[in-house]
C-alpha atoms as a PDB file:
ATOM      1  CA  MET A   1     -28.344 172.337  46.830  1.00  0.00           C
ATOM      2  CA  SER A   2     -29.066 168.657  47.444  1.00  0.00           C
ATOM      3  CA  LYS A   3     -31.311 166.728  45.115  1.00  0.00           C
ATOM      4  CA  LYS A   4     -34.933 166.253  46.098  1.00  0.00           C
ATOM      5  CA  LEU A   5     -36.615 162.889  46.143  1.00  0.00           C
ATOM      6  CA  ILE A   6     -38.774 162.314  43.097  1.00  0.00           C
ATOM      7  CA  ASN A   7     -41.951 160.325  43.556  1.00  0.00           C
ATOM      8  CA  SER A   8     -42.204 157.295  41.288  1.00  0.00           C
ATOM      9  CA  SER A   9     -44.751 157.567  38.515  1.00  0.00           C
ATOM     10  CA  LYS A  10     -45.487 153.837  38.453  1.00  0.00           C
ATOM     11  CA  ASP A  11     -46.164 151.251  41.123  1.00  0.00           C
ATOM     12  CA  ALA A  12     -43.305 148.747  41.087  1.00  0.00           C
ATOM     13  CA  SER A  13     -44.311 146.775  44.173  1.00  0.00           C
ATOM     14  CA  TRP A  14     -44.437 143.633  42.025  1.00  0.00           C
ATOM     15  CA  ALA A  15     -40.640 143.775  41.854  1.00  0.00           C
ATOM     16  CA  ARG A  16     -40.080 143.681  45.613  1.00  0.00           C
ATOM     17  CA  LEU A  17     -38.092 140.897  47.222  1.00  0.00           C
ATOM     18  CA  PRO A  18     -40.622 138.227  48.316  1.00  0.00           C
ATOM     19  CA  VAL A  19     -41.477 137.913  51.991  1.00  0.00           C
ATOM     20  CA  MET A  20     -38.544 136.227  53.721  1.00  0.00           C
ATOM     21  CA  ASP A  21     -40.644 133.389  55.150  1.00  0.00           C
ATOM     22  CA  SER A  22     -41.869 132.509  51.650  1.00  0.00           C
ATOM     23  CA  ILE A  23     -38.343 132.300  50.199  1.00  0.00           C
ATOM     24  CA  THR A  24     -37.148 128.702  50.052  1.00  0.00           C
ATOM     25  CA  VAL A  25     -33.776 129.442  48.430  1.00  0.00           C
ATOM     26  CA  LEU A  26     -31.832 132.717  48.422  1.00  0.00           C
ATOM     27  CA  GLN A  27     -28.544 133.083  46.569  1.00  0.00           C
ATOM     28  CA  ALA A  28     -26.091 135.994  46.460  1.00  0.00           C
ATOM     29  CA  GLN A  29     -23.309 136.834  44.006  1.00  0.00           C
ATOM     30  CA  PHE A  30     -20.728 139.551  44.644  1.00  0.00           C
ATOM     31  CA  PHE A  31     -19.332 141.594  41.742  1.00  0.00           C
ATOM     32  CA  ASP A  32     -16.213 143.751  41.644  1.00  0.00           C
ATOM     33  CA  ASN A  33     -16.959 146.173  38.804  1.00  0.00           C
ATOM     34  CA  ARG A  34     -14.128 148.615  39.326  1.00  0.00           C
ATOM     35  CA  SER A  35     -12.639 147.858  35.921  1.00  0.00           C
ATOM     36  CA  VAL A  36     -15.893 148.608  34.088  1.00  0.00           C
ATOM     37  CA  ALA A  37     -17.899 150.949  36.353  1.00  0.00           C
ATOM     38  CA  ALA A  38     -15.736 154.057  35.979  1.00  0.00           C
ATOM     39  CA  ARG A  39     -17.807 156.990  34.742  1.00  0.00           C
ATOM     40  CA  VAL A  40     -20.812 154.757  34.023  1.00  0.00           C
ATOM     41  CA  LYS A  41     -23.975 156.399  35.361  1.00  0.00           C
ATOM     42  CA  GLY A  42     -25.915 154.237  37.805  1.00  0.00           C
ATOM     43  CA  LYS A  43     -23.196 151.615  38.118  1.00  0.00           C
ATOM     44  CA  SER A  44     -21.179 151.328  41.312  1.00  0.00           C
ATOM     45  CA  ASP A  45     -17.754 149.792  41.848  1.00  0.00           C
ATOM     46  CA  PHE A  46     -19.304 146.866  43.709  1.00  0.00           C
ATOM     47  CA  ALA A  47     -22.651 145.117  43.391  1.00  0.00           C
ATOM     48  CA  LEU A  48     -24.554 142.247  44.945  1.00  0.00           C
ATOM     49  CA  LYS A  49     -26.893 140.196  42.787  1.00  0.00           C
ATOM     50  CA  LEU A  50     -29.676 138.406  44.636  1.00  0.00           C
ATOM     51  CA  PHE A  51     -31.662 135.424  43.356  1.00  0.00           C
ATOM     52  CA  ALA A  52     -34.754 134.055  45.097  1.00  0.00           C
ATOM     53  CA  TRP A  53     -37.046 131.052  44.728  1.00  0.00           C
ATOM     54  CA  THR A  54     -40.335 130.409  46.511  1.00  0.00           C
ATOM     55  CA  SER A  55     -40.968 126.957  45.034  1.00  0.00           C
ATOM     56  CA  GLY A  56     -40.754 124.018  47.397  1.00  0.00           C
ATOM     57  CA  TRP A  57     -39.241 121.626  44.867  1.00  0.00           C
ATOM     58  CA  ASN A  58     -37.719 121.366  41.369  1.00  0.00           C
ATOM     59  CA  ILE A  59     -35.563 124.430  42.008  1.00  0.00           C
ATOM     60  CA  ASP A  60     -33.230 125.194  39.115  1.00  0.00           C
ATOM     61  CA  LEU A  61     -30.442 127.590  40.099  1.00  0.00           C
ATOM     62  CA  LYS A  62     -30.050 128.521  36.433  1.00  0.00           C
ATOM     63  CA  LYS A  63     -33.657 129.747  36.316  1.00  0.00           C
ATOM     64  CA  PRO A  64     -34.323 132.204  39.165  1.00  0.00           C
ATOM     65  CA  GLU A  65     -37.905 133.116  39.961  1.00  0.00           C
ATOM     66  CA  TRP A  66     -36.805 136.562  41.182  1.00  0.00           C
ATOM     67  CA  TRP A  67     -33.519 138.458  40.878  1.00  0.00           C
ATOM     68  CA  ARG A  68     -32.168 141.980  41.278  1.00  0.00           C
ATOM     69  CA  VAL A  69     -28.785 143.700  41.127  1.00  0.00           C
ATOM     70  CA  VAL A  70     -28.101 145.793  44.222  1.00  0.00           C
ATOM     71  CA  GLN A  71     -25.641 148.605  43.592  1.00  0.00           C
ATOM     72  CA  LEU A  72     -23.430 148.941  46.686  1.00  0.00           C
ATOM     73  CA  VAL A  73     -22.767 152.472  47.907  1.00  0.00           C
ATOM     74  CA  ASP A  74     -21.412 154.292  50.929  1.00  0.00           C
ATOM     75  CA  PRO A  75     -23.541 153.856  54.108  1.00  0.00           C
ATOM     76  CA  LYS A  76     -23.669 157.638  54.553  1.00  0.00           C
ATOM     77  CA  THR A  77     -25.395 157.915  51.170  1.00  0.00           C
ATOM     78  CA  VAL A  78     -28.065 155.437  52.255  1.00  0.00           C
ATOM     79  CA  LEU A  79     -28.618 157.269  55.539  1.00  0.00           C
ATOM     80  CA  THR A  80     -29.030 160.585  53.717  1.00  0.00           C
ATOM     81  CA  TRP A  81     -31.644 159.006  51.438  1.00  0.00           C
ATOM     82  CA  ALA A  82     -33.508 157.494  54.399  1.00  0.00           C
ATOM     83  CA  LYS A  83     -33.691 160.848  56.202  1.00  0.00           C
ATOM     84  CA  LYS A  84     -35.063 162.560  53.092  1.00  0.00           C
ATOM     85  CA  LYS A  85     -37.561 159.754  52.598  1.00  0.00           C
ATOM     86  CA  HIS A  86     -38.739 160.188  56.184  1.00  0.00           C
ATOM     87  CA  GLU A  87     -39.055 163.957  55.772  1.00  0.00           C
ATOM     88  CA  ALA A  88     -41.203 163.339  52.691  1.00  0.00           C
ATOM     89  CA  ASN A  89     -43.482 161.031  54.720  1.00  0.00           C
ATOM     90  CA  GLY A  90     -42.311 158.041  52.702  1.00  0.00           C
ATOM     91  CA  MET A  91     -40.834 156.240  55.713  1.00  0.00           C
ATOM     92  CA  ASP A  92     -42.025 156.017  59.323  1.00  0.00           C
ATOM     93  CA  ALA A  93     -39.833 156.766  62.340  1.00  0.00           C
ATOM     94  CA  GLU A  94     -39.391 153.104  63.214  1.00  0.00           C
ATOM     95  CA  MET A  95     -37.982 152.229  59.792  1.00  0.00           C
ATOM     96  CA  LEU A  96     -35.795 155.338  59.811  1.00  0.00           C
ATOM     97  CA  SER A  97     -34.344 154.080  63.097  1.00  0.00           C
ATOM     98  CA  VAL A  98     -33.421 150.774  61.406  1.00  0.00           C
ATOM     99  CA  TYR A  99     -31.635 152.540  58.566  1.00  0.00           C
ATOM    100  CA  SER A 100     -29.937 154.902  60.993  1.00  0.00           C
ATOM    101  CA  ASP A 101     -28.705 152.127  63.298  1.00  0.00           C
ATOM    102  CA  VAL A 102     -27.304 150.008  60.459  1.00  0.00           C
ATOM    103  CA  SER A 103     -25.717 152.958  58.645  1.00  0.00           C
ATOM    104  CA  THR A 104     -24.136 154.289  61.836  1.00  0.00           C
ATOM    105  CA  GLU A 105     -22.667 150.900  62.690  1.00  0.00           C
ATOM    106  CA  ALA A 106     -21.396 150.540  59.127  1.00  0.00           C
ATOM    107  CA  MET A 107     -19.648 153.908  59.305  1.00  0.00           C
ATOM    108  CA  LYS A 108     -17.998 152.882  62.576  1.00  0.00           C
ATOM    109  CA  MET A 109     -16.720 149.747  60.861  1.00  0.00           C
ATOM    110  CA  GLN A 110     -15.320 151.885  58.050  1.00  0.00           C
ATOM    111  CA  GLN A 111     -13.372 153.954  60.550  1.00  0.00           C
ATOM    112  CA  SER A 112     -12.067 150.937  62.473  1.00  0.00           C
ATOM    113  CA  GLY A 113      -9.531 150.073  59.795  1.00  0.00           C
ATOM    114  CA  HIS A 114     -10.334 146.359  60.055  1.00  0.00           C
ATOM    115  CA  PHE A 115     -12.383 146.208  56.867  1.00  0.00           C
ATOM    116  CA  GLU A 116     -11.372 146.825  53.282  1.00  0.00           C
ATOM    117  CA  LEU A 117     -14.982 147.216  52.178  1.00  0.00           C
ATOM    118  CA  VAL A 118     -18.145 148.316  54.003  1.00  0.00           C
ATOM    119  CA  LYS A 119     -21.172 149.049  51.834  1.00  0.00           C
ATOM    120  CA  MET A 120     -24.955 149.177  51.776  1.00  0.00           C
ATOM    121  CA  GLY A 121     -27.436 149.043  48.942  1.00  0.00           C
ATOM    122  CA  HIS A 122     -31.124 149.256  48.085  1.00  0.00           C
ATOM    123  CA  VAL A 123     -33.279 146.525  46.618  1.00  0.00           C
ATOM    124  CA  SER A 124     -34.955 148.409  43.799  1.00  0.00           C
ATOM    125  CA  SER A 125     -37.217 148.094  40.797  1.00  0.00           C
ATOM    126  CA  PRO A 126     -35.609 147.368  37.449  1.00  0.00           C
ATOM    127  CA  PRO A 127     -33.668 149.244  36.247  1.00  0.00           C
ATOM    128  CA  GLY A 128     -33.145 150.649  39.748  1.00  0.00           C
ATOM    129  CA  THR A 129     -35.400 153.683  39.540  1.00  0.00           C
ATOM    130  CA  GLN A 130     -37.489 152.985  42.660  1.00  0.00           C
ATOM    131  CA  TYR A 131     -35.969 152.003  46.004  1.00  0.00           C
ATOM    132  CA  PHE A 132     -38.134 149.764  48.176  1.00  0.00           C
ATOM    133  CA  VAL A 133     -38.368 151.041  51.740  1.00  0.00           C
ATOM    134  CA  GLY A 134     -37.393 148.315  54.199  1.00  0.00           C
ATOM    135  CA  GLN A 135     -35.441 146.247  51.682  1.00  0.00           C
ATOM    136  CA  PHE A 136     -31.684 146.736  51.696  1.00  0.00           C
ATOM    137  CA  VAL A 137     -28.374 144.948  52.123  1.00  0.00           C
ATOM    138  CA  PHE A 138     -25.386 145.578  54.363  1.00  0.00           C
ATOM    139  CA  ILE A 139     -22.087 143.966  53.446  1.00  0.00           C
ATOM    140  CA  ALA A 140     -18.563 144.098  54.851  1.00  0.00           C
ATOM    141  CA  ARG A 141     -15.337 142.353  53.918  1.00  0.00           C
ATOM    142  CA  THR A 142     -12.169 142.074  55.955  1.00  0.00           C
ATOM    143  CA  GLU A 143      -8.702 142.433  54.498  1.00  0.00           C
ATOM    144  CA  GLY A 144      -8.523 138.633  54.680  1.00  0.00           C
ATOM    145  CA  GLY A 145     -11.509 138.375  52.352  1.00  0.00           C
ATOM    146  CA  VAL A 146     -14.118 137.235  54.915  1.00  0.00           C
ATOM    147  CA  PHE A 147     -17.625 138.541  54.199  1.00  0.00           C
ATOM    148  CA  SER A 148     -20.306 139.435  56.718  1.00  0.00           C
ATOM    149  CA  GLY A 149     -23.564 141.367  56.709  1.00  0.00           C
ATOM    150  CA  PHE A 150     -27.183 140.610  55.909  1.00  0.00           C
ATOM    151  CA  VAL A 151     -30.113 141.041  53.545  1.00  0.00           C
ATOM    152  CA  TYR A 152     -32.877 142.989  55.317  1.00  0.00           C
ATOM    153  CA  ASN A 153     -36.481 142.538  54.250  1.00  0.00           C
ATOM    154  CA  ASP A 154     -39.312 144.270  56.093  1.00  0.00           C
ATOM    155  CA  GLY A 155     -38.267 143.345  59.625  1.00  0.00           C
ATOM    156  CA  ALA A 156     -36.673 139.984  58.781  1.00  0.00           C
ATOM    157  CA  HIS A 157     -33.134 139.301  57.659  1.00  0.00           C
ATOM    158  CA  VAL A 158     -30.812 136.592  56.349  1.00  0.00           C
ATOM    159  CA  GLU A 159     -27.136 136.579  57.270  1.00  0.00           C
ATOM    160  CA  LEU A 160     -24.732 137.239  54.410  1.00  0.00           C
ATOM    161  CA  GLU A 161     -22.208 134.503  55.133  1.00  0.00           C
ATOM    162  CA  GLY A 162     -20.462 131.642  53.399  1.00  0.00           C
ATOM    163  CA  MET A 163     -19.357 133.745  50.423  1.00  0.00           C
ATOM    164  CA  LYS A 164     -16.754 131.736  48.524  1.00  0.00           C
ATOM    165  CA  PRO A 165     -14.623 132.650  45.490  1.00  0.00           C
ATOM    166  CA  THR A 166     -16.179 131.534  42.232  1.00  0.00           C
ATOM    167  CA  LYS A 167     -14.327 129.428  39.700  1.00  0.00           C
ATOM    168  CA  LYS A 168     -12.595 131.180  36.835  1.00  0.00           C
ATOM    169  CA  ALA A 169     -13.389 130.104  33.285  1.00  0.00           C
ATOM    170  CA  GLY A 170      -9.729 130.609  32.350  1.00  0.00           C
ATOM    171  CA  VAL A 171      -6.491 132.040  33.675  1.00  0.00           C
ATOM    172  CA  ARG A 172      -8.145 135.424  34.125  1.00  0.00           C
ATOM    173  CA  ARG A 173     -11.597 136.122  35.506  1.00  0.00           C
ATOM    174  CA  LYS A 174     -13.940 137.276  32.765  1.00  0.00           C
ATOM    175  CA  SER A 175     -15.142 140.857  33.147  1.00  0.00           C
ATOM    176  CA  GLY A 176     -18.688 141.117  34.452  1.00  0.00           C
ATOM    177  CA  THR A 177     -18.685 137.776  36.268  1.00  0.00           C
ATOM    178  CA  PRO A 178     -19.131 137.334  40.043  1.00  0.00           C
ATOM    179  CA  THR A 179     -16.029 136.970  42.188  1.00  0.00           C
ATOM    180  CA  HIS A 180     -17.842 135.362  45.142  1.00  0.00           C
ATOM    181  CA  ALA A 181     -21.146 133.563  45.680  1.00  0.00           C
ATOM    182  CA  ALA A 182     -23.150 131.762  48.366  1.00  0.00           C
ATOM    183  CA  ILE A 183     -26.491 130.144  49.088  1.00  0.00           C
ATOM    184  CA  LEU A 184     -27.797 132.280  51.941  1.00  0.00           C
ATOM    185  CA  LYS A 185     -30.951 130.291  52.562  1.00  0.00           C
ATOM    186  CA  GLY A 186     -32.187 126.862  51.505  1.00  0.00           C
ATOM    187  CA  GLN A 187     -28.964 124.867  51.161  1.00  0.00           C
ATOM    188  CA  ALA A 188     -30.562 121.964  53.058  1.00  0.00           C
ATOM    189  CA  LEU A 189     -33.449 121.911  50.591  1.00  0.00           C
ATOM    190  CA  LEU A 190     -31.080 121.901  47.620  1.00  0.00           C
ATOM    191  CA  ASN A 191     -29.103 119.039  49.175  1.00  0.00           C
ATOM    192  CA  TRP A 192     -32.304 117.072  49.764  1.00  0.00           C
ATOM    193  CA  GLN A 193     -33.420 117.695  46.189  1.00  0.00           C
ATOM    194  CA  ARG A 194     -30.058 116.571  44.804  1.00  0.00           C
ATOM    195  CA  GLU A 195     -30.024 113.432  46.959  1.00  0.00           C
ATOM    196  CA  ALA A 196     -33.565 112.545  45.891  1.00  0.00           C
ATOM    197  CA  ARG A 197     -32.634 112.880  42.220  1.00  0.00           C
ATOM    198  CA  GLU A 198     -29.502 110.789  42.707  1.00  0.00           C
ATOM    199  CA  LYS A 199     -31.521 108.058  44.435  1.00  0.00           C
ATOM    200  CA  GLU A 200     -34.075 108.102  41.632  1.00  0.00           C
ATOM    201  CA  ALA A 201     -31.333 107.864  39.000  1.00  0.00           C
ATOM    202  CA  ASN A 202     -29.690 104.959  40.854  1.00  0.00           C
ATOM    203  CA  TRP A 203     -33.024 103.152  41.174  1.00  0.00           C
ATOM    204  CA  MET A 204     -33.703 103.560  37.445  1.00  0.00           C
ATOM    205  CA  SER A 205     -30.224 102.258  36.657  1.00  0.00           C
ATOM    206  CA  GLN A 206     -30.792  99.189  38.843  1.00  0.00           C
ATOM    207  CA  GLN A 207     -34.132  98.508  37.192  1.00  0.00           C
ATOM    208  CA  ASP A 208     -32.516  98.626  33.761  1.00  0.00           C
ATOM    209  CA  HIS A 209     -29.838  96.194  34.979  1.00  0.00           C
ATOM    210  CA  LEU A 210     -32.295  93.757  36.559  1.00  0.00           C
ATOM    211  CA  HIS A 211     -34.786  93.934  33.729  1.00  0.00           C
ATOM    212  CA  PRO A 212     -32.886  94.725  30.537  1.00  0.00           C
ATOM    213  CA  LEU A 213     -34.956  95.645  27.570  1.00  0.00           C
ATOM    214  CA  ASN A 214     -35.014  92.561  25.319  1.00  0.00           C
ATOM    215  CA  PRO A 215     -35.831  93.076  21.643  1.00  0.00           C
ATOM    216  CA  PRO A 216     -39.307  91.799  20.783  1.00  0.00           C
ATOM    217  CA  GLN A 217     -39.468  88.353  19.208  1.00  0.00           C
ATOM    218  CA  ILE A 218     -41.009  88.531  15.734  1.00  0.00           C
ATOM    219  CA  ASP A 219     -42.834  85.548  14.307  1.00  0.00           C
ATOM    220  CA  PRO A 220     -40.801  84.003  11.428  1.00  0.00           C
ATOM    221  CA  GLN A 221     -43.785  84.213   9.065  1.00  0.00           C
ATOM    222  CA  ILE A 222     -44.277  87.910   9.863  1.00  0.00           C
ATOM    223  CA  ARG A 223     -40.550  88.583   9.374  1.00  0.00           C
ATOM    224  CA  ALA A 224     -40.700  86.816   5.994  1.00  0.00           C
ATOM    225  CA  PHE A 225     -43.699  88.918   5.011  1.00  0.00           C
ATOM    226  CA  ILE A 226     -41.882  92.121   6.012  1.00  0.00           C
ATOM    227  CA  ASN A 227     -38.836  91.101   3.977  1.00  0.00           C
ATOM    228  CA  GLY A 228     -40.992  90.326   0.956  1.00  0.00           C
ATOM    229  CA  SER A 229     -40.442  86.557   1.061  1.00  0.00           C
ATOM    230  CA  PRO A 230     -43.211  84.002   0.579  1.00  0.00           C
ATOM    231  CA  PHE A 231     -44.397  81.985   3.583  1.00  0.00           C
END
């Protein structure tokens, strides 16, 4: 007998991915957890970590305003969940159609033999106990290592492209670190911010060069007084 959907006891809407139009920067990191995920409940072989910022300036990539880890699973599993959610009146027919279309296309890609990985995943509340309807990811990777897909958010989406291998800290990649990463939205803003800071730093450097800080001139009598000598 299949498991029934369990209604969440707490409202976790605060943890939802912000509205796509309000997101100024969106970053994604891809994790290959096959070496550590075996027999670990709730942890899949692959995961996508999303980071989002809604600030218009002073964005620090080391300090995300919102982040979640999306466990990547088989598209058929997501479709089964969506159908049960619809049957329980937790999802309307229009949203079910979105899940069905994406899942069906993903399963076709799996069968094509052109992709080494085709997965989907839910954006959920920490620690992943409540899936947010209308917020999910679809990701595929060719045998050549090229990523495609998108992050879907309540009728809007951002393409999952530009994923590049991350740098290794040593000869071997440290367990639990991302293998690929990309800025999915807001790269132009980050470039503008970096350029503005560089210009400001250059301007400050020029000012220091043109107007060097000269040590203050102390009156000889005051210096003598400080040193304990008579005038």
